Amino acid sequence: MVIASKKRKRNKTFNKQAEKSEDPSDIPTIVVRRKTTSIMKAQNIDDVIGNASYLKIDCAEFSFDSAVRTMYVKNSCIKDIYNMYAEDLRNPNNPKEDGCMVLGRWVLDEGTGKYDVTLEHAIMPGQDAVFKEFELNFGGQIKLRVAEKLRILRRETNLQYDLTCWIHS
């Protein structure tokens, strides 16, 4: 209702300006703007299944009631997460928390109601993160990093990447 009222007022103003103007170049031009929406990309992990660059984890081996059937963890993601914890592993007297967010993909098997999930890209927190012995605060910069990486991955691969998990010590 408010929007319709504002549009009518705007149209009246435009029409009055057009009537007063003698020079056609003085009449404001109409600019058409197209509203864009996010289009859901394809959700599949066909490129991951059987790929040697991924560690396959059967979740039934350690959980009998998990909604996730299989996880596929990219080798480079494992390396990034290990490197994040490497200092803590070398220095056990450093009791601070560490963590990151992980991007990947997932698909639902309609027949079983179970998910297959990939963990592919570890996103490290920014300078505003606070990790102490009993405190874990990722800060705001990681959200920007996640959003930017998702945008790039979706554009480059035409696949639906999402924030699949977060990890902490």
C-alpha atoms as a PDB file:
ATOM      1  CA  MET A   1       0.000   0.000   0.000  1.00  0.00           C
ATOM      2  CA  VAL A   2       2.771   2.424   0.962  1.00  0.00           C
ATOM      3  CA  ILE A   3       4.778   1.453  -2.114  1.00  0.00           C
ATOM      4  CA  ALA A   4       1.801   2.030  -4.427  1.00  0.00           C
ATOM      5  CA  SER A   5       1.218   5.434  -2.826  1.00  0.00           C
ATOM      6  CA  LYS A   6       4.850   6.445  -3.316  1.00  0.00           C
ATOM      7  CA  LYS A   7       4.770   5.300  -6.947  1.00  0.00           C
ATOM      8  CA  ARG A   8       1.669   7.398  -7.644  1.00  0.00           C
ATOM      9  CA  LYS A   9       3.304  10.486  -6.112  1.00  0.00           C
ATOM     10  CA  ARG A  10       6.453   9.884  -8.133  1.00  0.00           C
ATOM     11  CA  ASN A  11       4.440   9.485 -11.359  1.00  0.00           C
ATOM     12  CA  LYS A  12       2.522  12.744 -10.696  1.00  0.00           C
ATOM     13  CA  THR A  13       5.802  14.592 -10.170  1.00  0.00           C
ATOM     14  CA  PHE A  14       7.245  13.113 -13.359  1.00  0.00           C
ATOM     15  CA  ASN A  15       4.168  14.052 -15.398  1.00  0.00           C
ATOM     16  CA  LYS A  16       4.221  17.660 -14.086  1.00  0.00           C
ATOM     17  CA  GLN A  17       7.899  17.971 -15.024  1.00  0.00           C
ATOM     18  CA  ALA A  18       7.200  16.629 -18.503  1.00  0.00           C
ATOM     19  CA  GLU A  19       4.322  19.116 -19.028  1.00  0.00           C
ATOM     20  CA  LYS A  20       6.442  22.124 -17.944  1.00  0.00           C
ATOM     21  CA  SER A  21       9.445  21.239 -20.062  1.00  0.00           C
ATOM     22  CA  GLU A  22       9.615  22.438 -23.632  1.00  0.00           C
ATOM     23  CA  ASP A  23      12.902  20.721 -24.419  1.00  0.00           C
ATOM     24  CA  PRO A  24      12.534  16.910 -24.733  1.00  0.00           C
ATOM     25  CA  SER A  25      16.070  16.423 -23.387  1.00  0.00           C
ATOM     26  CA  ASP A  26      14.923  17.929 -20.044  1.00  0.00           C
ATOM     27  CA  ILE A  27      12.471  15.078 -19.471  1.00  0.00           C
ATOM     28  CA  PRO A  28      14.034  12.496 -17.183  1.00  0.00           C
ATOM     29  CA  THR A  29      14.723   9.193 -18.867  1.00  0.00           C
ATOM     30  CA  ILE A  30      13.206   6.002 -17.598  1.00  0.00           C
ATOM     31  CA  VAL A  31      15.693   3.510 -16.276  1.00  0.00           C
ATOM     32  CA  VAL A  32      14.590  -0.110 -16.048  1.00  0.00           C
ATOM     33  CA  ARG A  33      16.375  -2.085 -13.379  1.00  0.00           C
ATOM     34  CA  ARG A  34      16.158  -5.828 -13.277  1.00  0.00           C
ATOM     35  CA  LYS A  35      15.965  -7.383  -9.852  1.00  0.00           C
ATOM     36  CA  THR A  36      18.307 -10.356  -9.691  1.00  0.00           C
ATOM     37  CA  THR A  37      17.869 -13.290  -7.411  1.00  0.00           C
ATOM     38  CA  SER A  38      20.215 -16.055  -6.474  1.00  0.00           C
ATOM     39  CA  ILE A  39      19.716 -19.093  -8.664  1.00  0.00           C
ATOM     40  CA  MET A  40      20.241 -22.438  -6.989  1.00  0.00           C
ATOM     41  CA  LYS A  41      23.173 -24.194  -8.609  1.00  0.00           C
ATOM     42  CA  ALA A  42      23.285 -27.923  -9.306  1.00  0.00           C
ATOM     43  CA  GLN A  43      23.590 -30.057  -6.197  1.00  0.00           C
ATOM     44  CA  ASN A  44      25.758 -33.037  -6.967  1.00  0.00           C
ATOM     45  CA  ILE A  45      29.018 -34.603  -5.927  1.00  0.00           C
ATOM     46  CA  ASP A  46      29.563 -36.912  -8.903  1.00  0.00           C
ATOM     47  CA  ASP A  47      33.065 -35.499  -9.435  1.00  0.00           C
ATOM     48  CA  VAL A  48      34.049 -36.539  -5.896  1.00  0.00           C
ATOM     49  CA  ILE A  49      32.929 -40.172  -5.795  1.00  0.00           C
ATOM     50  CA  GLY A  50      35.907 -42.407  -6.579  1.00  0.00           C
ATOM     51  CA  ASN A  51      38.258 -39.400  -6.785  1.00  0.00           C
ATOM     52  CA  ALA A  52      41.669 -40.115  -5.215  1.00  0.00           C
ATOM     53  CA  SER A  53      41.889 -36.491  -4.035  1.00  0.00           C
ATOM     54  CA  TYR A  54      39.180 -37.211  -1.434  1.00  0.00           C
ATOM     55  CA  LEU A  55      39.171 -39.366   1.674  1.00  0.00           C
ATOM     56  CA  LYS A  56      35.930 -41.345   1.837  1.00  0.00           C
ATOM     57  CA  ILE A  57      34.488 -41.835   5.329  1.00  0.00           C
ATOM     58  CA  ASP A  58      31.590 -44.226   5.883  1.00  0.00           C
ATOM     59  CA  CYS A  59      29.714 -42.717   8.826  1.00  0.00           C
ATOM     60  CA  ALA A  60      28.071 -46.057   9.707  1.00  0.00           C
ATOM     61  CA  GLU A  61      31.498 -47.168  10.964  1.00  0.00           C
ATOM     62  CA  PHE A  62      31.276 -44.809  13.947  1.00  0.00           C
ATOM     63  CA  SER A  63      27.612 -43.752  14.227  1.00  0.00           C
ATOM     64  CA  PHE A  64      24.514 -45.880  13.909  1.00  0.00           C
ATOM     65  CA  ASP A  65      22.018 -42.995  13.729  1.00  0.00           C
ATOM     66  CA  SER A  66      23.724 -40.324  11.633  1.00  0.00           C
ATOM     67  CA  ALA A  67      21.795 -38.508   8.918  1.00  0.00           C
ATOM     68  CA  VAL A  68      25.097 -38.421   6.987  1.00  0.00           C
ATOM     69  CA  ARG A  69      25.850 -41.644   5.161  1.00  0.00           C
ATOM     70  CA  THR A  70      29.216 -40.743   3.643  1.00  0.00           C
ATOM     71  CA  MET A  71      31.661 -37.861   3.983  1.00  0.00           C
ATOM     72  CA  TYR A  72      34.236 -37.068   1.339  1.00  0.00           C
ATOM     73  CA  VAL A  73      37.050 -34.903   2.677  1.00  0.00           C
ATOM     74  CA  LYS A  74      39.343 -33.257   0.151  1.00  0.00           C
ATOM     75  CA  ASN A  75      43.021 -33.967   0.842  1.00  0.00           C
ATOM     76  CA  SER A  76      43.937 -30.266   0.656  1.00  0.00           C
ATOM     77  CA  CYS A  77      41.230 -29.512   3.245  1.00  0.00           C
ATOM     78  CA  ILE A  78      42.708 -32.114   5.604  1.00  0.00           C
ATOM     79  CA  LYS A  79      46.123 -30.510   5.145  1.00  0.00           C
ATOM     80  CA  ASP A  80      44.771 -26.991   5.844  1.00  0.00           C
ATOM     81  CA  ILE A  81      43.032 -28.154   9.017  1.00  0.00           C
ATOM     82  CA  TYR A  82      46.111 -30.057  10.175  1.00  0.00           C
ATOM     83  CA  ASN A  83      48.273 -26.964   9.616  1.00  0.00           C
ATOM     84  CA  MET A  84      45.820 -24.903  11.671  1.00  0.00           C
ATOM     85  CA  TYR A  85      46.374 -27.290  14.615  1.00  0.00           C
ATOM     86  CA  ALA A  86      50.092 -27.937  14.011  1.00  0.00           C
ATOM     87  CA  GLU A  87      51.274 -25.338  16.550  1.00  0.00           C
ATOM     88  CA  ASP A  88      48.947 -26.749  19.203  1.00  0.00           C
ATOM     89  CA  LEU A  89      50.248 -30.241  18.482  1.00  0.00           C
ATOM     90  CA  ARG A  90      53.844 -29.056  18.917  1.00  0.00           C
ATOM     91  CA  ASN A  91      53.004 -27.109  22.076  1.00  0.00           C
ATOM     92  CA  PRO A  92      50.585 -29.045  24.300  1.00  0.00           C
ATOM     93  CA  ASN A  93      50.937 -26.360  27.023  1.00  0.00           C
ATOM     94  CA  ASN A  94      49.046 -23.907  24.795  1.00  0.00           C
ATOM     95  CA  PRO A  95      45.432 -24.638  25.777  1.00  0.00           C
ATOM     96  CA  LYS A  96      43.686 -22.184  23.448  1.00  0.00           C
ATOM     97  CA  GLU A  97      40.814 -23.156  21.181  1.00  0.00           C
ATOM     98  CA  ASP A  98      41.266 -23.107  17.410  1.00  0.00           C
ATOM     99  CA  GLY A  99      38.735 -23.452  14.667  1.00  0.00           C
ATOM    100  CA  CYS A 100      37.647 -22.810  11.112  1.00  0.00           C
ATOM    101  CA  MET A 101      34.620 -23.135   8.862  1.00  0.00           C
ATOM    102  CA  VAL A 102      34.462 -25.654   6.033  1.00  0.00           C
ATOM    103  CA  LEU A 103      32.726 -25.310   2.688  1.00  0.00           C
ATOM    104  CA  GLY A 104      31.533 -28.220   0.637  1.00  0.00           C
ATOM    105  CA  ARG A 105      28.505 -29.769  -0.979  1.00  0.00           C
ATOM    106  CA  TRP A 106      25.825 -32.242  -0.024  1.00  0.00           C
ATOM    107  CA  VAL A 107      23.236 -34.413  -1.709  1.00  0.00           C
ATOM    108  CA  LEU A 108      20.263 -36.276  -0.287  1.00  0.00           C
ATOM    109  CA  ASP A 109      19.593 -39.874  -1.290  1.00  0.00           C
ATOM    110  CA  GLU A 110      15.797 -39.785  -1.485  1.00  0.00           C
ATOM    111  CA  GLY A 111      15.610 -43.571  -1.124  1.00  0.00           C
ATOM    112  CA  THR A 112      17.439 -43.797   2.201  1.00  0.00           C
ATOM    113  CA  GLY A 113      16.919 -40.262   3.511  1.00  0.00           C
ATOM    114  CA  LYS A 114      20.696 -40.075   4.110  1.00  0.00           C
ATOM    115  CA  TYR A 115      23.118 -37.377   3.003  1.00  0.00           C
ATOM    116  CA  ASP A 116      26.470 -37.580   1.286  1.00  0.00           C
ATOM    117  CA  VAL A 117      28.587 -34.561   2.251  1.00  0.00           C
ATOM    118  CA  THR A 118      31.862 -33.141   0.991  1.00  0.00           C
ATOM    119  CA  LEU A 119      34.311 -31.087   3.039  1.00  0.00           C
ATOM    120  CA  GLU A 120      36.466 -29.218   0.551  1.00  0.00           C
ATOM    121  CA  HIS A 121      37.622 -25.748   1.576  1.00  0.00           C
ATOM    122  CA  ALA A 122      38.710 -24.686   5.072  1.00  0.00           C
ATOM    123  CA  ILE A 123      38.109 -20.983   5.720  1.00  0.00           C
ATOM    124  CA  MET A 124      40.333 -19.584   8.444  1.00  0.00           C
ATOM    125  CA  PRO A 125      39.130 -16.820  10.772  1.00  0.00           C
ATOM    126  CA  GLY A 126      40.295 -13.232  10.423  1.00  0.00           C
ATOM    127  CA  GLN A 127      42.251 -10.999  12.777  1.00  0.00           C
ATOM    128  CA  ASP A 128      39.109 -10.246  14.790  1.00  0.00           C
ATOM    129  CA  ALA A 129      38.744 -13.862  15.968  1.00  0.00           C
ATOM    130  CA  VAL A 130      39.190 -14.563  19.681  1.00  0.00           C
ATOM    131  CA  PHE A 131      40.439 -17.995  20.685  1.00  0.00           C
ATOM    132  CA  LYS A 132      41.286 -18.532  24.322  1.00  0.00           C
ATOM    133  CA  GLU A 133      41.331 -21.542  26.612  1.00  0.00           C
ATOM    134  CA  PHE A 134      37.564 -21.534  27.120  1.00  0.00           C
ATOM    135  CA  GLU A 135      36.446 -19.064  24.454  1.00  0.00           C
ATOM    136  CA  LEU A 136      35.800 -19.500  20.768  1.00  0.00           C
ATOM    137  CA  ASN A 137      34.668 -16.445  18.801  1.00  0.00           C
ATOM    138  CA  PHE A 138      35.198 -16.564  15.038  1.00  0.00           C
ATOM    139  CA  GLY A 139      34.592 -12.825  14.677  1.00  0.00           C
ATOM    140  CA  GLY A 140      32.950 -11.130  11.716  1.00  0.00           C
ATOM    141  CA  GLN A 141      35.712 -11.288   9.126  1.00  0.00           C
ATOM    142  CA  ILE A 142      35.257 -15.024   8.612  1.00  0.00           C
ATOM    143  CA  LYS A 143      31.674 -14.401   7.447  1.00  0.00           C
ATOM    144  CA  LEU A 144      32.987 -12.144   4.694  1.00  0.00           C
ATOM    145  CA  ARG A 145      35.595 -14.744   3.727  1.00  0.00           C
ATOM    146  CA  VAL A 146      32.954 -17.484   3.620  1.00  0.00           C
ATOM    147  CA  ALA A 147      30.588 -15.371   1.500  1.00  0.00           C
ATOM    148  CA  GLU A 148      33.336 -14.423  -0.962  1.00  0.00           C
ATOM    149  CA  LYS A 149      34.613 -17.997  -1.335  1.00  0.00           C
ATOM    150  CA  LEU A 150      31.052 -19.315  -1.820  1.00  0.00           C
ATOM    151  CA  ARG A 151      30.429 -16.705  -4.510  1.00  0.00           C
ATOM    152  CA  ILE A 152      33.637 -17.662  -6.332  1.00  0.00           C
ATOM    153  CA  LEU A 153      33.069 -21.421  -6.063  1.00  0.00           C
ATOM    154  CA  ARG A 154      29.468 -21.212  -7.260  1.00  0.00           C
ATOM    155  CA  ARG A 155      30.400 -18.981 -10.184  1.00  0.00           C
ATOM    156  CA  GLU A 156      33.424 -21.030 -11.267  1.00  0.00           C
ATOM    157  CA  THR A 157      31.907 -24.506 -10.869  1.00  0.00           C
ATOM    158  CA  ASN A 158      28.177 -23.883 -11.323  1.00  0.00           C
ATOM    159  CA  LEU A 159      27.684 -26.154  -8.291  1.00  0.00           C
ATOM    160  CA  GLN A 160      25.877 -25.412  -5.035  1.00  0.00           C
ATOM    161  CA  TYR A 161      28.607 -25.018  -2.409  1.00  0.00           C
ATOM    162  CA  ASP A 162      27.504 -24.317   1.152  1.00  0.00           C
ATOM    163  CA  LEU A 163      28.894 -23.947   4.646  1.00  0.00           C
ATOM    164  CA  THR A 164      28.910 -27.646   5.553  1.00  0.00           C
ATOM    165  CA  CYS A 165      30.476 -27.522   9.019  1.00  0.00           C
ATOM    166  CA  TRP A 166      32.666 -25.697  11.461  1.00  0.00           C
ATOM    167  CA  ILE A 167      35.520 -27.282  13.320  1.00  0.00           C
ATOM    168  CA  HIS A 168      37.068 -26.461  16.665  1.00  0.00           C
ATOM    169  CA  SER A 169      39.523 -28.084  19.000  1.00  0.00           C
END
